[in-house]
């Protein structure tokens, strides 16, 4: 026997002030307000995720740290942006100068 849910026909009254309701309506739910990722890095991150799955962010972090230890700043930045696209917190930890080594 199928179960169907229907919206209530009764009008409800919102108790929030109207300007606050308008402000909340247009704000994205996933608004992280962090550094934006460029399309090239996003595309590379998606390919990396397709290859490594859930371990992709950690693999990108390892690549960034290895490039940092080798002194290759350009490669470090590339892998850092891929890591940022996959896991913003992990990328922040390796981008932080106090924790850049690990």
PDB file of N, CA and C in Angstrom:
ATOM      1  N   UNK A   1       0.839  -1.171   0.000  1.00  0.00           N
ATOM      2  CA  UNK A   1       0.000   0.000   0.000  1.00  0.00           C
ATOM      3  C   UNK A   1       0.888   1.241   0.000  1.00  0.00           C
ATOM      4  N   UNK A   2       0.790   2.074  -1.029  1.00  0.00           N
ATOM      5  CA  UNK A   2       1.646   3.257  -1.092  1.00  0.00           C
ATOM      6  C   UNK A   2       1.232   4.309  -0.068  1.00  0.00           C
ATOM      7  N   UNK A   3       2.219   5.001   0.423  1.00  0.00           N
ATOM      8  CA  UNK A   3       1.984   6.096   1.365  1.00  0.00           C
ATOM      9  C   UNK A   3       2.273   7.398   0.643  1.00  0.00           C
ATOM     10  N   UNK A   4       1.361   8.343   0.726  1.00  0.00           N
ATOM     11  CA  UNK A   4       1.547   9.631   0.064  1.00  0.00           C
ATOM     12  C   UNK A   4       1.485  10.746   1.095  1.00  0.00           C
ATOM     13  N   UNK A   5       2.406  11.669   0.939  1.00  0.00           N
ATOM     14  CA  UNK A   5       2.420  12.830   1.813  1.00  0.00           C
ATOM     15  C   UNK A   5       2.001  14.039   0.995  1.00  0.00           C
ATOM     16  N   UNK A   6       1.159  14.837   1.562  1.00  0.00           N
ATOM     17  CA  UNK A   6       0.702  16.047   0.886  1.00  0.00           C
ATOM     18  C   UNK A   6       0.892  17.239   1.818  1.00  0.00           C
ATOM     19  N   UNK A   7       1.142  18.371   1.225  1.00  0.00           N
ATOM     20  CA  UNK A   7       1.299  19.584   2.021  1.00  0.00           C
ATOM     21  C   UNK A   7      -0.042  19.970   2.633  1.00  0.00           C
ATOM     22  N   UNK A   8       0.031  20.595   3.772  1.00  0.00           N
ATOM     23  CA  UNK A   8      -1.179  21.043   4.434  1.00  0.00           C
ATOM     24  C   UNK A   8      -1.823  22.170   3.636  1.00  0.00           C
ATOM     25  N   UNK A   9      -3.136  22.145   3.565  1.00  0.00           N
ATOM     26  CA  UNK A   9      -3.850  23.201   2.855  1.00  0.00           C
ATOM     27  C   UNK A   9      -4.066  24.420   3.742  1.00  0.00           C
ATOM     28  N   UNK A  10      -3.852  24.260   5.029  1.00  0.00           N
ATOM     29  CA  UNK A  10      -4.037  25.356   5.971  1.00  0.00           C
ATOM     30  C   UNK A  10      -2.849  26.316   5.879  1.00  0.00           C
ATOM     31  N   UNK A  11      -3.117  27.606   5.766  1.00  0.00           N
ATOM     32  CA  UNK A  11      -2.049  28.601   5.711  1.00  0.00           C
ATOM     33  C   UNK A  11      -1.460  28.784   7.106  1.00  0.00           C
ATOM     34  N   UNK A  12      -0.165  28.788   7.178  1.00  0.00           N
ATOM     35  CA  UNK A  12       0.487  29.012   8.465  1.00  0.00           C
ATOM     36  C   UNK A  12       1.029  30.431   8.519  1.00  0.00           C
ATOM     37  N   UNK A  13       1.154  30.940   9.701  1.00  0.00           N
ATOM     38  CA  UNK A  13       1.647  32.287   9.889  1.00  0.00           C
ATOM     39  C   UNK A  13       3.079  32.205  10.397  1.00  0.00           C
ATOM     40  N   UNK A  14       3.983  32.890   9.720  1.00  0.00           N
ATOM     41  CA  UNK A  14       5.375  32.915  10.131  1.00  0.00           C
ATOM     42  C   UNK A  14       5.559  33.984  11.205  1.00  0.00           C
ATOM     43  N   UNK A  15       6.196  33.638  12.284  1.00  0.00           N
ATOM     44  CA  UNK A  15       6.372  34.578  13.382  1.00  0.00           C
ATOM     45  C   UNK A  15       7.671  35.367  13.290  1.00  0.00           C
ATOM     46  N   UNK A  16       8.497  35.052  12.303  1.00  0.00           N
ATOM     47  CA  UNK A  16       9.740  35.805  12.123  1.00  0.00           C
ATOM     48  C   UNK A  16       9.437  37.131  11.430  1.00  0.00           C
ATOM     49  N   UNK A  17      10.195  38.177  11.740  1.00  0.00           N
ATOM     50  CA  UNK A  17      10.013  39.449  11.033  1.00  0.00           C
ATOM     51  C   UNK A  17      10.279  39.274   9.539  1.00  0.00           C
ATOM     52  N   UNK A  18       9.479  39.900   8.719  1.00  0.00           N
ATOM     53  CA  UNK A  18       9.557  39.722   7.261  1.00  0.00           C
ATOM     54  C   UNK A  18      10.950  40.024   6.691  1.00  0.00           C
ATOM     55  N   UNK A  19      11.669  41.104   7.107  1.00  0.00           N
ATOM     56  CA  UNK A  19      13.010  41.336   6.546  1.00  0.00           C
ATOM     57  C   UNK A  19      13.988  40.194   6.861  1.00  0.00           C
ATOM     58  N   UNK A  20      13.859  39.608   8.026  1.00  0.00           N
ATOM     59  CA  UNK A  20      14.723  38.492   8.383  1.00  0.00           C
ATOM     60  C   UNK A  20      14.419  37.269   7.529  1.00  0.00           C
ATOM     61  N   UNK A  21      13.164  37.048   7.233  1.00  0.00           N
ATOM     62  CA  UNK A  21      12.780  35.928   6.374  1.00  0.00           C
ATOM     63  C   UNK A  21      13.355  36.126   4.983  1.00  0.00           C
ATOM     64  N   UNK A  22      13.266  37.334   4.446  1.00  0.00           N
ATOM     65  CA  UNK A  22      13.823  37.608   3.118  1.00  0.00           C
ATOM     66  C   UNK A  22      15.334  37.410   3.102  1.00  0.00           C
ATOM     67  N   UNK A  23      16.017  37.852   4.139  1.00  0.00           N
ATOM     68  CA  UNK A  23      17.473  37.712   4.185  1.00  0.00           C
ATOM     69  C   UNK A  23      17.883  36.241   4.232  1.00  0.00           C
ATOM     70  N   UNK A  24      17.148  35.424   4.955  1.00  0.00           N
ATOM     71  CA  UNK A  24      17.484  34.014   5.064  1.00  0.00           C
ATOM     72  C   UNK A  24      17.156  33.243   3.791  1.00  0.00           C
ATOM     73  N   UNK A  25      16.166  33.689   3.073  1.00  0.00           N
ATOM     74  CA  UNK A  25      15.721  32.969   1.890  1.00  0.00           C
ATOM     75  C   UNK A  25      16.766  32.988   0.783  1.00  0.00           C
ATOM     76  N   UNK A  26      17.530  34.068   0.646  1.00  0.00           N
ATOM     77  CA  UNK A  26      18.472  34.199  -0.455  1.00  0.00           C
ATOM     78  C   UNK A  26      19.890  33.790  -0.089  1.00  0.00           C
ATOM     79  N   UNK A  27      20.126  33.376   1.111  1.00  0.00           N
ATOM     80  CA  UNK A  27      21.458  32.944   1.520  1.00  0.00           C
ATOM     81  C   UNK A  27      21.615  31.459   1.236  1.00  0.00           C
ATOM     82  N   UNK A  28      22.670  31.069   0.513  1.00  0.00           N
ATOM     83  CA  UNK A  28      22.865  29.650   0.216  1.00  0.00           C
ATOM     84  C   UNK A  28      23.078  28.832   1.486  1.00  0.00           C
ATOM     85  N   UNK A  29      22.575  27.629   1.489  1.00  0.00           N
ATOM     86  CA  UNK A  29      22.692  26.777   2.670  1.00  0.00           C
ATOM     87  C   UNK A  29      24.130  26.322   2.883  1.00  0.00           C
ATOM     88  N   UNK A  30      24.915  26.212   1.833  1.00  0.00           N
ATOM     89  CA  UNK A  30      26.292  25.735   1.965  1.00  0.00           C
ATOM     90  C   UNK A  30      27.299  26.871   1.826  1.00  0.00           C
ATOM     91  N   UNK A  31      26.946  28.044   2.268  1.00  0.00           N
ATOM     92  CA  UNK A  31      27.811  29.217   2.149  1.00  0.00           C
ATOM     93  C   UNK A  31      28.932  29.127   3.176  1.00  0.00           C
ATOM     94  N   UNK A  32      30.106  28.702   2.732  1.00  0.00           N
ATOM     95  CA  UNK A  32      31.242  28.534   3.631  1.00  0.00           C
ATOM     96  C   UNK A  32      32.064  29.806   3.792  1.00  0.00           C
ATOM     97  N   UNK A  33      31.879  30.741   2.894  1.00  0.00           N
ATOM     98  CA  UNK A  33      32.600  32.006   2.901  1.00  0.00           C
ATOM     99  C   UNK A  33      34.110  31.813   2.911  1.00  0.00           C
ATOM    100  N   UNK A  34      34.578  30.778   2.289  1.00  0.00           N
ATOM    101  CA  UNK A  34      36.005  30.522   2.220  1.00  0.00           C
ATOM    102  C   UNK A  34      36.563  30.954   0.883  1.00  0.00           C
ATOM    103  N   UNK A  35      37.818  30.642   0.664  1.00  0.00           N
ATOM    104  CA  UNK A  35      38.470  30.963  -0.591  1.00  0.00           C
ATOM    105  C   UNK A  35      37.839  30.130  -1.698  1.00  0.00           C
ATOM    106  N   UNK A  36      37.442  30.777  -2.775  1.00  0.00           N
ATOM    107  CA  UNK A  36      36.795  30.084  -3.886  1.00  0.00           C
ATOM    108  C   UNK A  36      37.814  29.251  -4.659  1.00  0.00           C
ATOM    109  N   UNK A  37      37.350  28.157  -5.230  1.00  0.00           N
ATOM    110  CA  UNK A  37      38.196  27.271  -6.017  1.00  0.00           C
ATOM    111  C   UNK A  37      37.930  27.550  -7.489  1.00  0.00           C
ATOM    112  N   UNK A  38      38.985  27.702  -8.267  1.00  0.00           N
ATOM    113  CA  UNK A  38      38.846  27.975  -9.699  1.00  0.00           C
ATOM    114  C   UNK A  38      38.338  26.733 -10.418  1.00  0.00           C
ATOM    115  N   UNK A  39      37.739  26.946 -11.574  1.00  0.00           N
ATOM    116  CA  UNK A  39      37.173  25.835 -12.343  1.00  0.00           C
ATOM    117  C   UNK A  39      38.217  24.807 -12.736  1.00  0.00           C
ATOM    118  N   UNK A  40      39.425  25.245 -13.079  1.00  0.00           N
ATOM    119  CA  UNK A  40      40.477  24.292 -13.460  1.00  0.00           C
ATOM    120  C   UNK A  40      40.823  23.377 -12.288  1.00  0.00           C
ATOM    121  N   UNK A  41      40.914  23.955 -11.092  1.00  0.00           N
ATOM    122  CA  UNK A  41      41.228  23.145  -9.914  1.00  0.00           C
ATOM    123  C   UNK A  41      40.053  22.237  -9.553  1.00  0.00           C
ATOM    124  N   UNK A  42      38.845  22.737  -9.724  1.00  0.00           N
ATOM    125  CA  UNK A  42      37.673  21.920  -9.434  1.00  0.00           C
ATOM    126  C   UNK A  42      37.604  20.731 -10.381  1.00  0.00           C
ATOM    127  N   UNK A  43      37.868  20.962 -11.648  1.00  0.00           N
ATOM    128  CA  UNK A  43      37.865  19.881 -12.637  1.00  0.00           C
ATOM    129  C   UNK A  43      38.939  18.838 -12.297  1.00  0.00           C
ATOM    130  N   UNK A  44      40.128  19.316 -11.941  1.00  0.00           N
ATOM    131  CA  UNK A  44      41.209  18.398 -11.568  1.00  0.00           C
ATOM    132  C   UNK A  44      40.859  17.636 -10.292  1.00  0.00           C
ATOM    133  N   UNK A  45      40.194  18.310  -9.343  1.00  0.00           N
ATOM    134  CA  UNK A  45      39.804  17.652  -8.095  1.00  0.00           C
ATOM    135  C   UNK A  45      38.763  16.567  -8.356  1.00  0.00           C
ATOM    136  N   UNK A  46      37.840  16.820  -9.266  1.00  0.00           N
ATOM    137  CA  UNK A  46      36.839  15.800  -9.591  1.00  0.00           C
ATOM    138  C   UNK A  46      37.476  14.592 -10.260  1.00  0.00           C
ATOM    139  N   UNK A  47      38.440  14.830 -11.145  1.00  0.00           N
ATOM    140  CA  UNK A  47      39.154  13.709 -11.770  1.00  0.00           C
ATOM    141  C   UNK A  47      39.951  12.930 -10.714  1.00  0.00           C
ATOM    142  N   UNK A  48      40.555  13.662  -9.807  1.00  0.00           N
ATOM    143  CA  UNK A  48      41.339  13.033  -8.736  1.00  0.00           C
ATOM    144  C   UNK A  48      40.420  12.199  -7.836  1.00  0.00           C
ATOM    145  N   UNK A  49      39.240  12.737  -7.543  1.00  0.00           N
ATOM    146  CA  UNK A  49      38.278  12.003  -6.728  1.00  0.00           C
ATOM    147  C   UNK A  49      37.806  10.747  -7.457  1.00  0.00           C
ATOM    148  N   UNK A  50      37.623  10.842  -8.769  1.00  0.00           N
ATOM    149  CA  UNK A  50      37.214   9.665  -9.544  1.00  0.00           C
ATOM    150  C   UNK A  50      38.267   8.574  -9.487  1.00  0.00           C
ATOM    151  N   UNK A  51      39.532   8.975  -9.406  1.00  0.00           N
ATOM    152  CA  UNK A  51      40.612   7.989  -9.376  1.00  0.00           C
ATOM    153  C   UNK A  51      40.851   7.425  -7.971  1.00  0.00           C
ATOM    154  N   UNK A  52      40.797   8.265  -6.937  1.00  0.00           N
ATOM    155  CA  UNK A  52      41.174   7.835  -5.587  1.00  0.00           C
ATOM    156  C   UNK A  52      40.007   7.701  -4.618  1.00  0.00           C
ATOM    157  N   UNK A  53      38.824   8.099  -5.017  1.00  0.00           N
ATOM    158  CA  UNK A  53      37.655   7.950  -4.154  1.00  0.00           C
ATOM    159  C   UNK A  53      37.756   8.797  -2.899  1.00  0.00           C
ATOM    160  N   UNK A  54      37.324   8.235  -1.780  1.00  0.00           N
ATOM    161  CA  UNK A  54      37.296   8.987  -0.525  1.00  0.00           C
ATOM    162  C   UNK A  54      38.683   9.327   0.008  1.00  0.00           C
ATOM    163  N   UNK A  55      39.709   8.685  -0.511  1.00  0.00           N
ATOM    164  CA  UNK A  55      41.080   8.983  -0.088  1.00  0.00           C
ATOM    165  C   UNK A  55      41.708  10.094  -0.923  1.00  0.00           C
ATOM    166  N   UNK A  56      40.954  10.701  -1.823  1.00  0.00           N
ATOM    167  CA  UNK A  56      41.505  11.692  -2.748  1.00  0.00           C
ATOM    168  C   UNK A  56      42.058  12.917  -2.026  1.00  0.00           C
ATOM    169  N   UNK A  57      41.362  13.426  -1.042  1.00  0.00           N
ATOM    170  CA  UNK A  57      41.841  14.617  -0.330  1.00  0.00           C
ATOM    171  C   UNK A  57      43.144  14.326   0.394  1.00  0.00           C
ATOM    172  N   UNK A  58      43.234  13.177   1.028  1.00  0.00           N
ATOM    173  CA  UNK A  58      44.464  12.813   1.728  1.00  0.00           C
ATOM    174  C   UNK A  58      45.615  12.618   0.746  1.00  0.00           C
ATOM    175  N   UNK A  59      45.335  12.023  -0.396  1.00  0.00           N
ATOM    176  CA  UNK A  59      46.372  11.836  -1.408  1.00  0.00           C
ATOM    177  C   UNK A  59      46.853  13.193  -1.924  1.00  0.00           C
ATOM    178  N   UNK A  60      45.925  14.117  -2.161  1.00  0.00           N
ATOM    179  CA  UNK A  60      46.298  15.465  -2.602  1.00  0.00           C
ATOM    180  C   UNK A  60      47.127  16.167  -1.531  1.00  0.00           C
ATOM    181  N   UNK A  61      46.770  15.971  -0.274  1.00  0.00           N
ATOM    182  CA  UNK A  61      47.559  16.554   0.828  1.00  0.00           C
ATOM    183  C   UNK A  61      48.975  16.005   0.823  1.00  0.00           C
ATOM    184  N   UNK A  62      49.110  14.692   0.652  1.00  0.00           N
ATOM    185  CA  UNK A  62      50.436  14.073   0.619  1.00  0.00           C
ATOM    186  C   UNK A  62      51.272  14.617  -0.538  1.00  0.00           C
ATOM    187  N   UNK A  63      50.642  14.804  -1.688  1.00  0.00           N
ATOM    188  CA  UNK A  63      51.350  15.356  -2.843  1.00  0.00           C
ATOM    189  C   UNK A  63      51.792  16.793  -2.574  1.00  0.00           C
ATOM    190  N   UNK A  64      50.941  17.575  -1.932  1.00  0.00           N
ATOM    191  CA  UNK A  64      51.284  18.967  -1.616  1.00  0.00           C
ATOM    192  C   UNK A  64      52.431  19.029  -0.618  1.00  0.00           C
ATOM    193  N   UNK A  65      52.387  18.197   0.390  1.00  0.00           N
ATOM    194  CA  UNK A  65      53.454  18.185   1.395  1.00  0.00           C
ATOM    195  C   UNK A  65      54.775  17.737   0.766  1.00  0.00           C
ATOM    196  N   UNK A  66      54.731  16.728  -0.110  1.00  0.00           N
ATOM    197  CA  UNK A  66      55.946  16.269  -0.785  1.00  0.00           C
ATOM    198  C   UNK A  66      56.529  17.371  -1.670  1.00  0.00           C
ATOM    199  N   UNK A  67      55.671  18.104  -2.367  1.00  0.00           N
ATOM    200  CA  UNK A  67      56.147  19.210  -3.199  1.00  0.00           C
ATOM    201  C   UNK A  67      56.732  20.324  -2.337  1.00  0.00           C
ATOM    202  N   UNK A  68      56.133  20.561  -1.181  1.00  0.00           N
ATOM    203  CA  UNK A  68      56.647  21.575  -0.270  1.00  0.00           C
ATOM    204  C   UNK A  68      58.035  21.201   0.232  1.00  0.00           C
ATOM    205  N   UNK A  69      58.209  19.938   0.596  1.00  0.00           N
ATOM    206  CA  UNK A  69      59.521  19.477   1.071  1.00  0.00           C
ATOM    207  C   UNK A  69      60.565  19.530  -0.041  1.00  0.00           C
ATOM    208  N   UNK A  70      60.137  19.347  -1.285  1.00  0.00           N
ATOM    209  CA  UNK A  70      61.055  19.402  -2.418  1.00  0.00           C
ATOM    210  C   UNK A  70      61.349  20.839  -2.842  1.00  0.00           C
ATOM    211  N   UNK A  71      60.609  21.808  -2.284  1.00  0.00           N
ATOM    212  CA  UNK A  71      60.824  23.205  -2.614  1.00  0.00           C
ATOM    213  C   UNK A  71      60.136  23.648  -3.893  1.00  0.00           C
ATOM    214  N   UNK A  72      59.212  22.848  -4.397  1.00  0.00           N
ATOM    215  CA  UNK A  72      58.491  23.162  -5.631  1.00  0.00           C
ATOM    216  C   UNK A  72      57.194  23.888  -5.276  1.00  0.00           C
ATOM    217  N   UNK A  73      57.261  25.204  -5.252  1.00  0.00           N
ATOM    218  CA  UNK A  73      56.118  26.009  -4.812  1.00  0.00           C
ATOM    219  C   UNK A  73      54.925  25.913  -5.765  1.00  0.00           C
ATOM    220  N   UNK A  74      55.191  25.870  -7.065  1.00  0.00           N
ATOM    221  CA  UNK A  74      54.107  25.810  -8.045  1.00  0.00           C
ATOM    222  C   UNK A  74      53.316  24.511  -7.919  1.00  0.00           C
ATOM    223  N   UNK A  75      54.006  23.388  -7.767  1.00  0.00           N
ATOM    224  CA  UNK A  75      53.331  22.100  -7.596  1.00  0.00           C
ATOM    225  C   UNK A  75      52.609  22.051  -6.256  1.00  0.00           C
ATOM    226  N   UNK A  76      53.220  22.633  -5.233  1.00  0.00           N
ATOM    227  CA  UNK A  76      52.564  22.701  -3.927  1.00  0.00           C
ATOM    228  C   UNK A  76      51.230  23.441  -4.029  1.00  0.00           C
ATOM    229  N   UNK A  77      51.239  24.596  -4.696  1.00  0.00           N
ATOM    230  CA  UNK A  77      50.011  25.379  -4.844  1.00  0.00           C
ATOM    231  C   UNK A  77      48.948  24.599  -5.623  1.00  0.00           C
ATOM    232  N   UNK A  78      49.360  23.873  -6.665  1.00  0.00           N
ATOM    233  CA  UNK A  78      48.423  23.072  -7.463  1.00  0.00           C
ATOM    234  C   UNK A  78      47.728  22.028  -6.592  1.00  0.00           C
ATOM    235  N   UNK A  79      48.526  21.248  -5.848  1.00  0.00           N
ATOM    236  CA  UNK A  79      47.948  20.190  -5.021  1.00  0.00           C
ATOM    237  C   UNK A  79      47.168  20.765  -3.845  1.00  0.00           C
ATOM    238  N   UNK A  80      47.605  21.910  -3.347  1.00  0.00           N
ATOM    239  CA  UNK A  80      46.872  22.560  -2.264  1.00  0.00           C
ATOM    240  C   UNK A  80      45.470  22.959  -2.731  1.00  0.00           C
ATOM    241  N   UNK A  81      45.352  23.495  -3.931  1.00  0.00           N
ATOM    242  CA  UNK A  81      44.043  23.888  -4.452  1.00  0.00           C
ATOM    243  C   UNK A  81      43.162  22.666  -4.712  1.00  0.00           C
ATOM    244  N   UNK A  82      43.742  21.579  -5.160  1.00  0.00           N
ATOM    245  CA  UNK A  82      42.960  20.348  -5.342  1.00  0.00           C
ATOM    246  C   UNK A  82      42.482  19.844  -3.986  1.00  0.00           C
ATOM    247  N   UNK A  83      43.369  19.867  -3.003  1.00  0.00           N
ATOM    248  CA  UNK A  83      42.989  19.462  -1.649  1.00  0.00           C
ATOM    249  C   UNK A  83      41.911  20.393  -1.106  1.00  0.00           C
ATOM    250  N   UNK A  84      42.019  21.698  -1.378  1.00  0.00           N
ATOM    251  CA  UNK A  84      41.031  22.664  -0.916  1.00  0.00           C
ATOM    252  C   UNK A  84      39.658  22.389  -1.525  1.00  0.00           C
ATOM    253  N   UNK A  85      39.634  21.982  -2.789  1.00  0.00           N
ATOM    254  CA  UNK A  85      38.365  21.669  -3.440  1.00  0.00           C
ATOM    255  C   UNK A  85      37.716  20.435  -2.816  1.00  0.00           C
ATOM    256  N   UNK A  86      38.536  19.499  -2.339  1.00  0.00           N
ATOM    257  CA  UNK A  86      38.014  18.252  -1.774  1.00  0.00           C
ATOM    258  C   UNK A  86      37.743  18.348  -0.276  1.00  0.00           C
ATOM    259  N   UNK A  87      38.623  19.036   0.453  1.00  0.00           N
ATOM    260  CA  UNK A  87      38.484  19.138   1.905  1.00  0.00           C
ATOM    261  C   UNK A  87      39.113  20.448   2.367  1.00  0.00           C
ATOM    262  N   UNK A  88      38.278  21.451   2.554  1.00  0.00           N
ATOM    263  CA  UNK A  88      38.750  22.799   2.890  1.00  0.00           C
ATOM    264  C   UNK A  88      39.534  22.836   4.205  1.00  0.00           C
ATOM    265  N   UNK A  89      39.099  22.091   5.197  1.00  0.00           N
ATOM    266  CA  UNK A  89      39.802  22.095   6.489  1.00  0.00           C
ATOM    267  C   UNK A  89      41.190  21.479   6.377  1.00  0.00           C
ATOM    268  N   UNK A  90      41.289  20.381   5.644  1.00  0.00           N
ATOM    269  CA  UNK A  90      42.585  19.740   5.474  1.00  0.00           C
ATOM    270  C   UNK A  90      43.544  20.678   4.746  1.00  0.00           C
ATOM    271  N   UNK A  91      43.056  21.360   3.722  1.00  0.00           N
ATOM    272  CA  UNK A  91      43.893  22.301   2.979  1.00  0.00           C
ATOM    273  C   UNK A  91      44.320  23.460   3.868  1.00  0.00           C
ATOM    274  N   UNK A  92      43.446  23.916   4.731  1.00  0.00           N
ATOM    275  CA  UNK A  92      43.795  25.011   5.635  1.00  0.00           C
ATOM    276  C   UNK A  92      44.910  24.588   6.583  1.00  0.00           C
ATOM    277  N   UNK A  93      44.877  23.344   7.037  1.00  0.00           N
ATOM    278  CA  UNK A  93      45.925  22.876   7.955  1.00  0.00           C
ATOM    279  C   UNK A  93      47.297  22.840   7.283  1.00  0.00           C
ATOM    280  N   UNK A  94      47.377  22.477   6.010  1.00  0.00           N
ATOM    281  CA  UNK A  94      48.705  22.449   5.370  1.00  0.00           C
ATOM    282  C   UNK A  94      49.085  23.813   4.820  1.00  0.00           C
ATOM    283  N   UNK A  95      48.115  24.708   4.612  1.00  0.00           N
ATOM    284  CA  UNK A  95      48.422  26.052   4.125  1.00  0.00           C
ATOM    285  C   UNK A  95      48.845  26.961   5.267  1.00  0.00           C
ATOM    286  N   UNK A  96      48.495  26.616   6.498  1.00  0.00           N
ATOM    287  CA  UNK A  96      48.854  27.392   7.672  1.00  0.00           C
ATOM    288  C   UNK A  96      50.373  27.326   7.852  1.00  0.00           C
ATOM    289  N   UNK A  97      51.072  28.459   7.886  1.00  0.00           N
ATOM    290  CA  UNK A  97      52.531  28.437   7.997  1.00  0.00           C
ATOM    291  C   UNK A  97      53.039  27.700   9.236  1.00  0.00           C
ATOM    292  N   UNK A  98      52.294  27.725  10.323  1.00  0.00           N
ATOM    293  CA  UNK A  98      52.730  27.040  11.550  1.00  0.00           C
ATOM    294  C   UNK A  98      52.676  25.526  11.387  1.00  0.00           C
ATOM    295  N   UNK A  99      51.840  25.032  10.451  1.00  0.00           N
ATOM    296  CA  UNK A  99      51.692  23.590  10.282  1.00  0.00           C
ATOM    297  C   UNK A  99      52.077  23.143   8.881  1.00  0.00           C
ATOM    298  N   UNK A 100      52.856  23.934   8.164  1.00  0.00           N
ATOM    299  CA  UNK A 100      53.155  23.642   6.762  1.00  0.00           C
ATOM    300  C   UNK A 100      53.929  22.348   6.590  1.00  0.00           C
ATOM    301  N   UNK A 101      54.647  21.911   7.595  1.00  0.00           N
ATOM    302  CA  UNK A 101      55.430  20.685   7.451  1.00  0.00           C
ATOM    303  C   UNK A 101      54.628  19.433   7.612  1.00  0.00           C
ATOM    304  N   UNK A 102      53.428  19.481   8.151  1.00  0.00           N
ATOM    305  CA  UNK A 102      52.819  18.226   8.429  1.00  0.00           C
ATOM    306  C   UNK A 102      51.421  18.047   8.120  1.00  0.00           C
TER     307      UNK A 102
END
